[in-house]
Amino acid sequence: MLTPERTALILLAAGRSRRFDGDKLAEPFLDKPLAYHVVTALENVPFLTRIAVVSDTSLDFAALGYRVEENPDPSLGQARSLCHGVTIAREAGAEAVLVALADMPRVTATHVYRMFDAADGAGTIVASSDGVQPRPPALFGRDLFDDLLDLKGDEGARELIKRGHHVVTSPAELVDVDTRADLEELRQLYGLETDGK
């Protein structure tokens, strides 16, 4: 059985925001930077350790209890960031990693606990799903660490999570912000047309 106490949280926050034009993660949403929403949502989940893999951001994840790992070359894709995080998690003695994205501001702790409920030991792959497409957050047991370390490019762990168990939640919870239009749509959902202006 996997538990948060033996799991490292890896927050991927090193994307180049090519489609966003600017430091997407620092953009204000509901009176805090976009990336801090998932941080806040998961702050009371008792992870073994918290790792933020970053690149060129003004945000201070260390002040929020994260070990910060700089990805010196995010152009090599999301897989490189994941490798940095998994290496640190393994050194910390983690039995699993929960991989979350900093640009998914509506993920909840309730959903993450449901993922742990679906986990089945060291060979676990549990991903989130909107009922159609599996995606992060995703939970991997330690037997998958070598597979994660072998990943390359921007696909990240997409192929791995396709063969895992999928915990379905509402599409609204799994929204990720890739473009300014995505962020504006989210702001309008909350009646925040002027947020950050």
N, C-alpha and C. Protein backbone atom coordinates (compact mmCIF):
# COMPACT_ATOMS: atom_id res chain seq x y z
N MET A 1 0.84 -1.20 0.00
CA MET A 1 0.00 0.00 0.00
C MET A 1 0.87 1.25 0.00
N LEU A 2 0.57 2.15 -0.90
CA LEU A 2 1.33 3.40 -0.95
C LEU A 2 0.64 4.46 -0.11
N THR A 3 1.45 5.27 0.55
CA THR A 3 0.92 6.36 1.36
C THR A 3 1.65 7.64 1.00
N PRO A 4 1.00 8.80 1.23
CA PRO A 4 1.69 10.07 0.99
C PRO A 4 3.00 10.18 1.78
N GLU A 5 3.00 9.62 2.99
CA GLU A 5 4.18 9.74 3.86
C GLU A 5 5.43 9.11 3.26
N ARG A 6 5.25 8.16 2.33
CA ARG A 6 6.40 7.53 1.67
C ARG A 6 6.53 7.95 0.21
N THR A 7 5.84 9.03 -0.14
CA THR A 7 5.78 9.48 -1.53
C THR A 7 6.36 10.88 -1.67
N ALA A 8 7.13 11.09 -2.72
CA ALA A 8 7.66 12.42 -3.03
C ALA A 8 6.71 13.11 -4.02
N LEU A 9 6.35 14.32 -3.70
CA LEU A 9 5.60 15.15 -4.64
C LEU A 9 6.59 15.84 -5.57
N ILE A 10 6.42 15.64 -6.86
CA ILE A 10 7.25 16.33 -7.85
C ILE A 10 6.36 17.32 -8.59
N LEU A 11 6.64 18.60 -8.40
CA LEU A 11 5.89 19.65 -9.07
C LEU A 11 6.70 20.13 -10.27
N LEU A 12 6.17 19.90 -11.46
CA LEU A 12 6.87 20.31 -12.68
C LEU A 12 6.51 21.76 -12.99
N ALA A 13 7.52 22.63 -12.87
CA ALA A 13 7.30 24.07 -13.04
C ALA A 13 8.40 24.68 -13.89
N ALA A 14 8.87 23.91 -14.88
CA ALA A 14 10.00 24.37 -15.70
C ALA A 14 9.66 24.53 -17.17
N GLY A 15 8.37 24.52 -17.49
CA GLY A 15 7.99 24.65 -18.90
C GLY A 15 8.41 26.00 -19.46
N ARG A 16 8.59 26.03 -20.75
CA ARG A 16 9.06 27.27 -21.39
C ARG A 16 7.93 28.25 -21.71
N SER A 17 6.68 27.84 -21.51
CA SER A 17 5.53 28.72 -21.76
C SER A 17 5.57 29.33 -23.15
N ARG A 18 5.96 28.54 -24.13
CA ARG A 18 6.09 29.06 -25.50
C ARG A 18 4.79 29.62 -26.03
N ARG A 19 3.68 29.00 -25.63
CA ARG A 19 2.38 29.44 -26.15
C ARG A 19 1.76 30.53 -25.28
N PHE A 20 2.46 30.93 -24.23
CA PHE A 20 1.88 31.89 -23.29
C PHE A 20 2.48 33.28 -23.41
N ASP A 21 3.76 33.37 -23.70
CA ASP A 21 4.44 34.67 -23.80
C ASP A 21 4.55 35.33 -22.43
N GLY A 22 5.51 34.88 -21.64
CA GLY A 22 5.73 35.45 -20.31
C GLY A 22 5.82 34.36 -19.26
N ASP A 23 6.01 34.76 -17.99
CA ASP A 23 6.13 33.81 -16.88
C ASP A 23 4.72 33.38 -16.47
N LYS A 24 4.21 32.38 -17.16
CA LYS A 24 2.84 31.91 -16.96
C LYS A 24 2.56 31.60 -15.49
N LEU A 25 3.50 30.92 -14.84
CA LEU A 25 3.25 30.44 -13.48
C LEU A 25 3.11 31.56 -12.47
N ALA A 26 3.67 32.73 -12.79
CA ALA A 26 3.58 33.88 -11.88
C ALA A 26 2.36 34.76 -12.17
N GLU A 27 1.63 34.45 -13.22
CA GLU A 27 0.44 35.24 -13.57
C GLU A 27 -0.59 35.18 -12.44
N PRO A 28 -1.19 36.31 -12.08
CA PRO A 28 -2.16 36.29 -10.99
C PRO A 28 -3.47 35.62 -11.40
N PHE A 29 -3.98 34.82 -10.48
CA PHE A 29 -5.29 34.19 -10.63
C PHE A 29 -5.87 34.04 -9.23
N LEU A 30 -7.04 34.61 -8.99
CA LEU A 30 -7.65 34.58 -7.65
C LEU A 30 -6.66 35.07 -6.59
N ASP A 31 -6.00 36.16 -6.87
CA ASP A 31 -5.13 36.86 -5.90
C ASP A 31 -3.87 36.12 -5.48
N LYS A 32 -3.45 35.14 -6.28
CA LYS A 32 -2.15 34.52 -6.03
C LYS A 32 -1.59 34.04 -7.37
N PRO A 33 -0.30 33.81 -7.45
CA PRO A 33 0.26 33.31 -8.71
C PRO A 33 -0.39 31.98 -9.10
N LEU A 34 -0.55 31.79 -10.38
CA LEU A 34 -1.21 30.60 -10.92
C LEU A 34 -0.63 29.31 -10.32
N ALA A 35 0.70 29.22 -10.23
CA ALA A 35 1.35 27.99 -9.78
C ALA A 35 1.10 27.70 -8.30
N TYR A 36 0.73 28.70 -7.52
CA TYR A 36 0.57 28.48 -6.08
C TYR A 36 -0.77 27.81 -5.74
N HIS A 37 -1.66 27.68 -6.71
CA HIS A 37 -2.95 27.05 -6.41
C HIS A 37 -2.80 25.57 -6.12
N VAL A 38 -2.04 24.85 -6.94
CA VAL A 38 -1.85 23.43 -6.67
C VAL A 38 -0.98 23.25 -5.41
N VAL A 39 -0.06 24.16 -5.18
CA VAL A 39 0.76 24.13 -3.96
C VAL A 39 -0.14 24.23 -2.73
N THR A 40 -1.07 25.19 -2.77
CA THR A 40 -2.00 25.37 -1.65
C THR A 40 -2.93 24.18 -1.49
N ALA A 41 -3.42 23.65 -2.61
CA ALA A 41 -4.36 22.53 -2.55
C ALA A 41 -3.74 21.30 -1.90
N LEU A 42 -2.43 21.12 -2.10
CA LEU A 42 -1.77 19.91 -1.61
C LEU A 42 -0.92 20.14 -0.36
N GLU A 43 -1.01 21.33 0.23
CA GLU A 43 -0.09 21.66 1.33
C GLU A 43 -0.30 20.81 2.57
N ASN A 44 -1.50 20.28 2.78
CA ASN A 44 -1.75 19.47 3.98
C ASN A 44 -1.65 17.97 3.73
N VAL A 45 -1.31 17.59 2.50
CA VAL A 45 -1.07 16.17 2.22
C VAL A 45 0.35 15.87 2.73
N PRO A 46 0.52 14.88 3.61
CA PRO A 46 1.80 14.70 4.31
C PRO A 46 2.87 13.96 3.49
N PHE A 47 3.29 14.56 2.38
CA PHE A 47 4.30 13.93 1.54
C PHE A 47 5.63 13.79 2.26
N LEU A 48 6.38 12.76 1.88
CA LEU A 48 7.73 12.55 2.41
C LEU A 48 8.61 13.76 2.13
N THR A 49 8.54 14.25 0.91
CA THR A 49 9.29 15.43 0.50
C THR A 49 8.56 16.08 -0.67
N ARG A 50 8.85 17.35 -0.90
CA ARG A 50 8.24 18.11 -2.00
C ARG A 50 9.37 18.68 -2.84
N ILE A 51 9.29 18.44 -4.14
CA ILE A 51 10.35 18.86 -5.06
C ILE A 51 9.71 19.70 -6.15
N ALA A 52 10.23 20.90 -6.36
CA ALA A 52 9.77 21.75 -7.46
C ALA A 52 10.89 21.83 -8.49
N VAL A 53 10.63 21.39 -9.70
CA VAL A 53 11.61 21.50 -10.78
C VAL A 53 11.25 22.74 -11.58
N VAL A 54 12.15 23.72 -11.56
CA VAL A 54 11.84 25.05 -12.10
C VAL A 54 12.85 25.46 -13.16
N SER A 55 12.49 26.51 -13.86
CA SER A 55 13.42 27.14 -14.81
C SER A 55 12.99 28.58 -15.01
N ASP A 56 13.86 29.49 -14.61
CA ASP A 56 13.65 30.90 -14.92
C ASP A 56 12.28 31.41 -14.46
N THR A 57 11.96 31.19 -13.19
CA THR A 57 10.73 31.74 -12.64
C THR A 57 11.04 32.63 -11.45
N SER A 58 10.19 33.61 -11.22
CA SER A 58 10.38 34.51 -10.08
C SER A 58 9.76 33.94 -8.80
N LEU A 59 9.06 32.85 -8.90
CA LEU A 59 8.35 32.30 -7.75
C LEU A 59 9.30 31.60 -6.77
N ASP A 60 9.00 31.73 -5.48
CA ASP A 60 9.86 31.18 -4.44
C ASP A 60 9.22 29.92 -3.84
N PHE A 61 9.41 28.80 -4.52
CA PHE A 61 8.84 27.55 -4.03
C PHE A 61 9.52 27.08 -2.75
N ALA A 62 10.77 27.45 -2.56
CA ALA A 62 11.49 27.04 -1.35
C ALA A 62 10.80 27.58 -0.10
N ALA A 63 10.27 28.79 -0.19
CA ALA A 63 9.58 29.39 0.96
C ALA A 63 8.28 28.64 1.29
N LEU A 64 7.82 27.82 0.37
CA LEU A 64 6.59 27.06 0.57
C LEU A 64 6.87 25.59 0.91
N GLY A 65 8.12 25.30 1.27
CA GLY A 65 8.46 23.96 1.74
C GLY A 65 8.96 23.00 0.68
N TYR A 66 9.33 23.52 -0.48
CA TYR A 66 9.81 22.66 -1.56
C TYR A 66 11.33 22.69 -1.66
N ARG A 67 11.88 21.56 -1.98
CA ARG A 67 13.27 21.53 -2.43
C ARG A 67 13.24 21.95 -3.90
N VAL A 68 13.99 22.96 -4.24
CA VAL A 68 13.94 23.52 -5.60
C VAL A 68 15.11 22.99 -6.41
N GLU A 69 14.79 22.41 -7.55
CA GLU A 69 15.78 21.88 -8.48
C GLU A 69 15.66 22.65 -9.78
N GLU A 70 16.74 23.29 -10.19
CA GLU A 70 16.73 24.05 -11.43
C GLU A 70 16.96 23.10 -12.61
N ASN A 71 16.10 23.20 -13.60
CA ASN A 71 16.32 22.48 -14.85
C ASN A 71 17.08 23.44 -15.77
N PRO A 72 18.37 23.19 -16.01
CA PRO A 72 19.18 24.15 -16.76
C PRO A 72 18.81 24.23 -18.24
N ASP A 73 18.10 23.23 -18.75
CA ASP A 73 17.78 23.25 -20.18
C ASP A 73 16.38 22.71 -20.43
N PRO A 74 15.35 23.53 -20.15
CA PRO A 74 13.97 23.06 -20.34
C PRO A 74 13.64 22.77 -21.81
N SER A 75 14.49 23.21 -22.72
CA SER A 75 14.24 22.94 -24.14
C SER A 75 14.30 21.44 -24.44
N LEU A 76 14.88 20.65 -23.53
CA LEU A 76 14.96 19.21 -23.72
C LEU A 76 13.63 18.52 -23.39
N GLY A 77 12.66 19.31 -22.93
CA GLY A 77 11.33 18.76 -22.74
C GLY A 77 11.00 18.38 -21.31
N GLN A 78 9.71 18.07 -21.10
CA GLN A 78 9.20 17.77 -19.77
C GLN A 78 9.87 16.56 -19.14
N ALA A 79 10.28 15.60 -19.99
CA ALA A 79 10.90 14.38 -19.47
C ALA A 79 12.17 14.70 -18.68
N ARG A 80 12.93 15.69 -19.13
CA ARG A 80 14.15 16.05 -18.41
C ARG A 80 13.83 16.57 -17.01
N SER A 81 12.79 17.39 -16.90
CA SER A 81 12.37 17.88 -15.58
C SER A 81 11.94 16.72 -14.69
N LEU A 82 11.21 15.79 -15.27
CA LEU A 82 10.76 14.63 -14.51
C LEU A 82 11.94 13.81 -14.01
N CYS A 83 12.95 13.64 -14.84
CA CYS A 83 14.16 12.91 -14.44
C CYS A 83 14.84 13.57 -13.24
N HIS A 84 14.94 14.90 -13.27
CA HIS A 84 15.53 15.61 -12.12
C HIS A 84 14.75 15.28 -10.85
N GLY A 85 13.42 15.35 -10.93
CA GLY A 85 12.60 15.10 -9.75
C GLY A 85 12.69 13.68 -9.26
N VAL A 86 12.65 12.71 -10.17
CA VAL A 86 12.70 11.30 -9.78
C VAL A 86 14.04 10.96 -9.14
N THR A 87 15.12 11.52 -9.66
CA THR A 87 16.45 11.28 -9.08
C THR A 87 16.50 11.74 -7.62
N ILE A 88 15.96 12.92 -7.35
CA ILE A 88 15.95 13.44 -5.97
C ILE A 88 15.03 12.59 -5.09
N ALA A 89 13.88 12.19 -5.64
CA ALA A 89 12.94 11.38 -4.87
C ALA A 89 13.57 10.05 -4.47
N ARG A 90 14.27 9.44 -5.40
CA ARG A 90 14.94 8.16 -5.12
C ARG A 90 15.99 8.35 -4.03
N GLU A 91 16.78 9.43 -4.12
CA GLU A 91 17.80 9.70 -3.09
C GLU A 91 17.17 9.91 -1.72
N ALA A 92 15.94 10.43 -1.70
CA ALA A 92 15.24 10.68 -0.44
C ALA A 92 14.59 9.43 0.13
N GLY A 93 14.67 8.31 -0.62
CA GLY A 93 14.10 7.06 -0.13
C GLY A 93 12.61 6.91 -0.40
N ALA A 94 12.09 7.67 -1.36
CA ALA A 94 10.65 7.60 -1.66
C ALA A 94 10.28 6.25 -2.25
N GLU A 95 9.10 5.77 -1.88
CA GLU A 95 8.57 4.53 -2.45
C GLU A 95 7.68 4.79 -3.65
N ALA A 96 7.38 6.07 -3.89
CA ALA A 96 6.54 6.47 -5.02
C ALA A 96 6.75 7.95 -5.28
N VAL A 97 6.31 8.39 -6.46
CA VAL A 97 6.28 9.82 -6.75
C VAL A 97 4.89 10.19 -7.25
N LEU A 98 4.42 11.34 -6.81
CA LEU A 98 3.20 11.93 -7.37
C LEU A 98 3.65 13.11 -8.22
N VAL A 99 3.38 13.04 -9.51
CA VAL A 99 3.81 14.08 -10.44
C VAL A 99 2.63 15.01 -10.70
N ALA A 100 2.81 16.28 -10.39
CA ALA A 100 1.78 17.29 -10.61
C ALA A 100 2.36 18.42 -11.46
N LEU A 101 1.48 19.11 -12.17
CA LEU A 101 1.91 20.22 -13.01
C LEU A 101 1.51 21.54 -12.37
N ALA A 102 2.43 22.50 -12.40
CA ALA A 102 2.19 23.78 -11.76
C ALA A 102 1.16 24.64 -12.49
N ASP A 103 0.83 24.25 -13.73
CA ASP A 103 -0.16 25.04 -14.47
C ASP A 103 -1.55 24.40 -14.46
N MET A 104 -1.80 23.54 -13.46
CA MET A 104 -3.13 22.95 -13.26
C MET A 104 -3.69 23.46 -11.93
N PRO A 105 -4.32 24.64 -11.94
CA PRO A 105 -4.67 25.33 -10.68
C PRO A 105 -5.88 24.78 -9.94
N ARG A 106 -6.60 23.79 -10.51
CA ARG A 106 -7.84 23.36 -9.86
C ARG A 106 -7.79 21.94 -9.30
N VAL A 107 -6.61 21.34 -9.29
CA VAL A 107 -6.44 20.01 -8.69
C VAL A 107 -6.72 20.09 -7.19
N THR A 108 -7.34 19.05 -6.64
CA THR A 108 -7.68 19.04 -5.22
C THR A 108 -6.99 17.89 -4.47
N ALA A 109 -6.84 18.08 -3.17
CA ALA A 109 -6.30 17.02 -2.32
C ALA A 109 -7.23 15.81 -2.31
N THR A 110 -8.52 16.04 -2.38
CA THR A 110 -9.48 14.92 -2.39
C THR A 110 -9.20 13.99 -3.55
N HIS A 111 -8.96 14.56 -4.72
CA HIS A 111 -8.65 13.74 -5.89
C HIS A 111 -7.34 12.97 -5.69
N VAL A 112 -6.34 13.63 -5.13
CA VAL A 112 -5.05 12.97 -4.90
C VAL A 112 -5.21 11.80 -3.93
N TYR A 113 -6.00 11.97 -2.88
CA TYR A 113 -6.23 10.85 -1.96
C TYR A 113 -6.96 9.70 -2.65
N ARG A 114 -7.86 10.00 -3.58
CA ARG A 114 -8.53 8.94 -4.35
C ARG A 114 -7.51 8.18 -5.19
N MET A 115 -6.48 8.89 -5.67
CA MET A 115 -5.43 8.22 -6.43
C MET A 115 -4.65 7.25 -5.53
N PHE A 116 -4.36 7.67 -4.32
CA PHE A 116 -3.68 6.76 -3.38
C PHE A 116 -4.56 5.55 -3.07
N ASP A 117 -5.86 5.76 -2.98
CA ASP A 117 -6.78 4.64 -2.72
C ASP A 117 -6.72 3.61 -3.85
N ALA A 118 -6.44 4.08 -5.07
CA ALA A 118 -6.39 3.19 -6.24
C ALA A 118 -5.01 2.56 -6.45
N ALA A 119 -4.04 2.97 -5.66
CA ALA A 119 -2.66 2.50 -5.84
C ALA A 119 -2.52 1.06 -5.36
N ASP A 120 -1.55 0.37 -5.97
CA ASP A 120 -1.36 -1.04 -5.64
C ASP A 120 0.13 -1.39 -5.60
N GLY A 121 0.84 -0.79 -4.65
CA GLY A 121 2.22 -1.18 -4.41
C GLY A 121 3.23 -0.57 -5.36
N ALA A 122 4.41 -1.22 -5.39
CA ALA A 122 5.58 -0.65 -6.07
C ALA A 122 5.43 -0.56 -7.58
N GLY A 123 4.53 -1.37 -8.16
CA GLY A 123 4.33 -1.33 -9.60
C GLY A 123 3.21 -0.40 -10.04
N THR A 124 2.76 0.43 -9.13
CA THR A 124 1.61 1.30 -9.39
C THR A 124 1.86 2.32 -10.49
N ILE A 125 0.87 2.44 -11.37
CA ILE A 125 0.73 3.62 -12.23
C ILE A 125 -0.74 4.03 -12.09
N VAL A 126 -0.96 5.19 -11.50
CA VAL A 126 -2.31 5.73 -11.38
C VAL A 126 -2.29 7.14 -11.96
N ALA A 127 -3.17 7.38 -12.93
CA ALA A 127 -3.24 8.70 -13.55
C ALA A 127 -4.63 9.29 -13.34
N SER A 128 -4.73 10.57 -13.57
CA SER A 128 -6.02 11.25 -13.54
C SER A 128 -6.66 11.14 -14.92
N SER A 129 -7.97 11.29 -14.96
CA SER A 129 -8.66 11.26 -16.25
C SER A 129 -9.94 12.08 -16.17
N ASP A 130 -10.28 12.70 -17.29
CA ASP A 130 -11.56 13.40 -17.39
C ASP A 130 -12.63 12.47 -17.97
N GLY A 131 -12.31 11.18 -18.03
CA GLY A 131 -13.22 10.21 -18.61
C GLY A 131 -12.89 9.90 -20.05
N VAL A 132 -11.98 10.68 -20.62
CA VAL A 132 -11.57 10.48 -22.02
C VAL A 132 -10.06 10.28 -22.11
N GLN A 133 -9.33 11.21 -21.51
CA GLN A 133 -7.88 11.25 -21.69
C GLN A 133 -7.16 11.16 -20.34
N PRO A 134 -6.24 10.19 -20.18
CA PRO A 134 -5.44 10.16 -18.95
C PRO A 134 -4.40 11.27 -18.95
N ARG A 135 -4.12 11.80 -17.78
CA ARG A 135 -3.20 12.94 -17.67
C ARG A 135 -2.72 13.08 -16.22
N PRO A 136 -1.80 14.01 -15.97
CA PRO A 136 -1.41 14.29 -14.59
C PRO A 136 -2.60 14.91 -13.83
N PRO A 137 -2.50 14.93 -12.52
CA PRO A 137 -1.48 14.30 -11.70
C PRO A 137 -1.44 12.79 -11.90
N ALA A 138 -0.23 12.24 -11.70
CA ALA A 138 -0.03 10.81 -11.87
C ALA A 138 0.87 10.29 -10.75
N LEU A 139 0.58 9.07 -10.33
CA LEU A 139 1.29 8.44 -9.22
C LEU A 139 2.02 7.21 -9.74
N PHE A 140 3.31 7.13 -9.42
CA PHE A 140 4.14 6.01 -9.89
C PHE A 140 4.86 5.37 -8.71
N GLY A 141 4.74 4.05 -8.59
CA GLY A 141 5.51 3.33 -7.59
C GLY A 141 6.97 3.22 -7.98
N ARG A 142 7.81 2.83 -7.03
CA ARG A 142 9.26 2.84 -7.25
C ARG A 142 9.72 1.88 -8.36
N ASP A 143 8.93 0.85 -8.66
CA ASP A 143 9.31 -0.04 -9.75
C ASP A 143 9.31 0.66 -11.10
N LEU A 144 8.67 1.82 -11.17
CA LEU A 144 8.61 2.58 -12.42
C LEU A 144 9.69 3.66 -12.51
N PHE A 145 10.50 3.82 -11.46
CA PHE A 145 11.48 4.91 -11.46
C PHE A 145 12.44 4.81 -12.64
N ASP A 146 12.92 3.60 -12.93
CA ASP A 146 13.86 3.46 -14.06
C ASP A 146 13.18 3.83 -15.38
N ASP A 147 11.92 3.43 -15.54
CA ASP A 147 11.18 3.79 -16.75
C ASP A 147 11.04 5.31 -16.87
N LEU A 148 10.77 5.97 -15.75
CA LEU A 148 10.64 7.43 -15.76
C LEU A 148 11.97 8.10 -16.12
N LEU A 149 13.05 7.54 -15.60
CA LEU A 149 14.37 8.11 -15.86
C LEU A 149 14.81 7.91 -17.32
N ASP A 150 14.20 6.97 -18.01
CA ASP A 150 14.54 6.71 -19.41
C ASP A 150 13.75 7.58 -20.39
N LEU A 151 12.78 8.33 -19.88
CA LEU A 151 11.93 9.13 -20.78
C LEU A 151 12.72 10.26 -21.42
N LYS A 152 12.28 10.65 -22.62
CA LYS A 152 12.92 11.75 -23.33
C LYS A 152 11.85 12.62 -23.97
N GLY A 153 12.20 13.89 -24.16
CA GLY A 153 11.35 14.79 -24.94
C GLY A 153 10.18 15.36 -24.17
N ASP A 154 9.21 15.88 -24.94
CA ASP A 154 8.07 16.59 -24.35
C ASP A 154 6.89 15.68 -24.02
N GLU A 155 6.98 14.43 -24.42
CA GLU A 155 5.87 13.52 -24.15
C GLU A 155 5.73 13.22 -22.66
N GLY A 156 6.82 13.41 -21.91
CA GLY A 156 6.77 13.08 -20.50
C GLY A 156 6.41 11.62 -20.31
N ALA A 157 5.50 11.37 -19.37
CA ALA A 157 5.14 9.99 -19.04
C ALA A 157 3.83 9.57 -19.72
N ARG A 158 3.48 10.22 -20.81
CA ARG A 158 2.18 10.00 -21.45
C ARG A 158 1.93 8.52 -21.78
N GLU A 159 2.92 7.87 -22.37
CA GLU A 159 2.73 6.46 -22.75
C GLU A 159 2.59 5.56 -21.52
N LEU A 160 3.35 5.88 -20.47
CA LEU A 160 3.24 5.09 -19.24
C LEU A 160 1.86 5.21 -18.63
N ILE A 161 1.34 6.43 -18.56
CA ILE A 161 0.06 6.61 -17.86
C ILE A 161 -1.10 6.01 -18.66
N LYS A 162 -0.92 5.83 -19.95
CA LYS A 162 -1.99 5.20 -20.74
C LYS A 162 -2.26 3.78 -20.26
N ARG A 163 -1.22 3.10 -19.75
CA ARG A 163 -1.42 1.71 -19.35
C ARG A 163 -1.71 1.56 -17.85
N GLY A 164 -1.87 2.66 -17.17
CA GLY A 164 -2.14 2.62 -15.74
C GLY A 164 -3.62 2.60 -15.41
N HIS A 165 -3.91 2.66 -14.12
CA HIS A 165 -5.28 2.79 -13.63
C HIS A 165 -5.64 4.27 -13.71
N HIS A 166 -6.85 4.57 -14.13
CA HIS A 166 -7.25 5.97 -14.31
C HIS A 166 -8.37 6.34 -13.34
N VAL A 167 -8.12 7.38 -12.55
CA VAL A 167 -9.11 7.86 -11.60
C VAL A 167 -9.82 9.06 -12.24
N VAL A 168 -11.10 8.88 -12.49
CA VAL A 168 -11.86 9.91 -13.22
C VAL A 168 -12.34 11.00 -12.26
N THR A 169 -12.18 12.23 -12.72
CA THR A 169 -12.72 13.38 -12.00
C THR A 169 -13.28 14.35 -13.02
N SER A 170 -13.82 15.46 -12.57
CA SER A 170 -14.47 16.38 -13.52
C SER A 170 -13.42 17.04 -14.41
N PRO A 171 -13.74 17.26 -15.69
CA PRO A 171 -12.81 17.95 -16.58
C PRO A 171 -12.37 19.31 -16.02
N ALA A 172 -13.26 19.97 -15.28
CA ALA A 172 -12.93 21.29 -14.74
C ALA A 172 -11.75 21.22 -13.76
N GLU A 173 -11.63 20.09 -13.03
CA GLU A 173 -10.54 19.96 -12.07
C GLU A 173 -9.20 19.76 -12.78
N LEU A 174 -9.24 19.22 -13.98
CA LEU A 174 -8.00 18.87 -14.67
C LEU A 174 -7.61 19.88 -15.75
N VAL A 175 -8.22 21.04 -15.72
CA VAL A 175 -7.86 22.06 -16.71
C VAL A 175 -6.41 22.48 -16.51
N ASP A 176 -5.69 22.59 -17.63
CA ASP A 176 -4.34 23.15 -17.53
C ASP A 176 -4.27 24.39 -18.41
N VAL A 177 -3.44 25.32 -17.99
CA VAL A 177 -3.35 26.62 -18.63
C VAL A 177 -2.12 26.64 -19.53
N ASP A 178 -2.36 26.60 -20.83
CA ASP A 178 -1.25 26.64 -21.80
C ASP A 178 -1.11 27.99 -22.48
N THR A 179 -2.23 28.70 -22.63
CA THR A 179 -2.22 29.96 -23.37
C THR A 179 -2.89 31.06 -22.54
N ARG A 180 -2.69 32.29 -22.95
CA ARG A 180 -3.38 33.40 -22.28
C ARG A 180 -4.89 33.26 -22.42
N ALA A 181 -5.33 32.71 -23.54
CA ALA A 181 -6.78 32.50 -23.73
C ALA A 181 -7.32 31.50 -22.69
N ASP A 182 -6.52 30.47 -22.40
CA ASP A 182 -6.93 29.50 -21.36
C ASP A 182 -7.11 30.20 -20.02
N LEU A 183 -6.16 31.08 -19.69
CA LEU A 183 -6.22 31.77 -18.41
C LEU A 183 -7.41 32.73 -18.37
N GLU A 184 -7.64 33.44 -19.46
CA GLU A 184 -8.78 34.35 -19.51
C GLU A 184 -10.09 33.60 -19.36
N GLU A 185 -10.17 32.43 -19.97
CA GLU A 185 -11.39 31.62 -19.86
C GLU A 185 -11.62 31.20 -18.41
N LEU A 186 -10.54 30.84 -17.73
CA LEU A 186 -10.64 30.46 -16.33
C LEU A 186 -11.05 31.65 -15.47
N ARG A 187 -10.45 32.80 -15.74
CA ARG A 187 -10.82 34.01 -14.98
C ARG A 187 -12.29 34.34 -15.17
N GLN A 188 -12.78 34.22 -16.40
CA GLN A 188 -14.19 34.54 -16.66
C GLN A 188 -15.12 33.57 -15.94
N LEU A 189 -14.68 32.32 -15.82
CA LEU A 189 -15.47 31.32 -15.10
C LEU A 189 -15.72 31.77 -13.66
N TYR A 190 -14.75 32.46 -13.10
CA TYR A 190 -14.86 32.97 -11.73
C TYR A 190 -15.33 34.41 -11.67
N GLY A 191 -15.71 34.98 -12.82
CA GLY A 191 -16.13 36.38 -12.84
C GLY A 191 -15.00 37.34 -12.60
N LEU A 192 -13.80 36.97 -13.07
CA LEU A 192 -12.59 37.75 -12.79
C LEU A 192 -12.01 38.38 -14.06
N GLU A 193 -12.86 38.96 -14.88
CA GLU A 193 -12.36 39.49 -16.14
C GLU A 193 -11.21 40.48 -15.97
N THR A 194 -11.18 41.17 -14.82
CA THR A 194 -10.14 42.17 -14.62
C THR A 194 -8.99 41.67 -13.75
N ASP A 195 -9.02 40.39 -13.37
CA ASP A 195 -7.96 39.82 -12.52
C ASP A 195 -6.61 40.02 -13.16
N GLY A 196 -5.70 40.66 -12.42
CA GLY A 196 -4.33 40.83 -12.91
C GLY A 196 -4.15 41.98 -13.85
N LYS A 197 -5.19 42.72 -14.11
CA LYS A 197 -5.04 43.86 -15.03
C LYS A 197 -4.53 45.08 -14.29
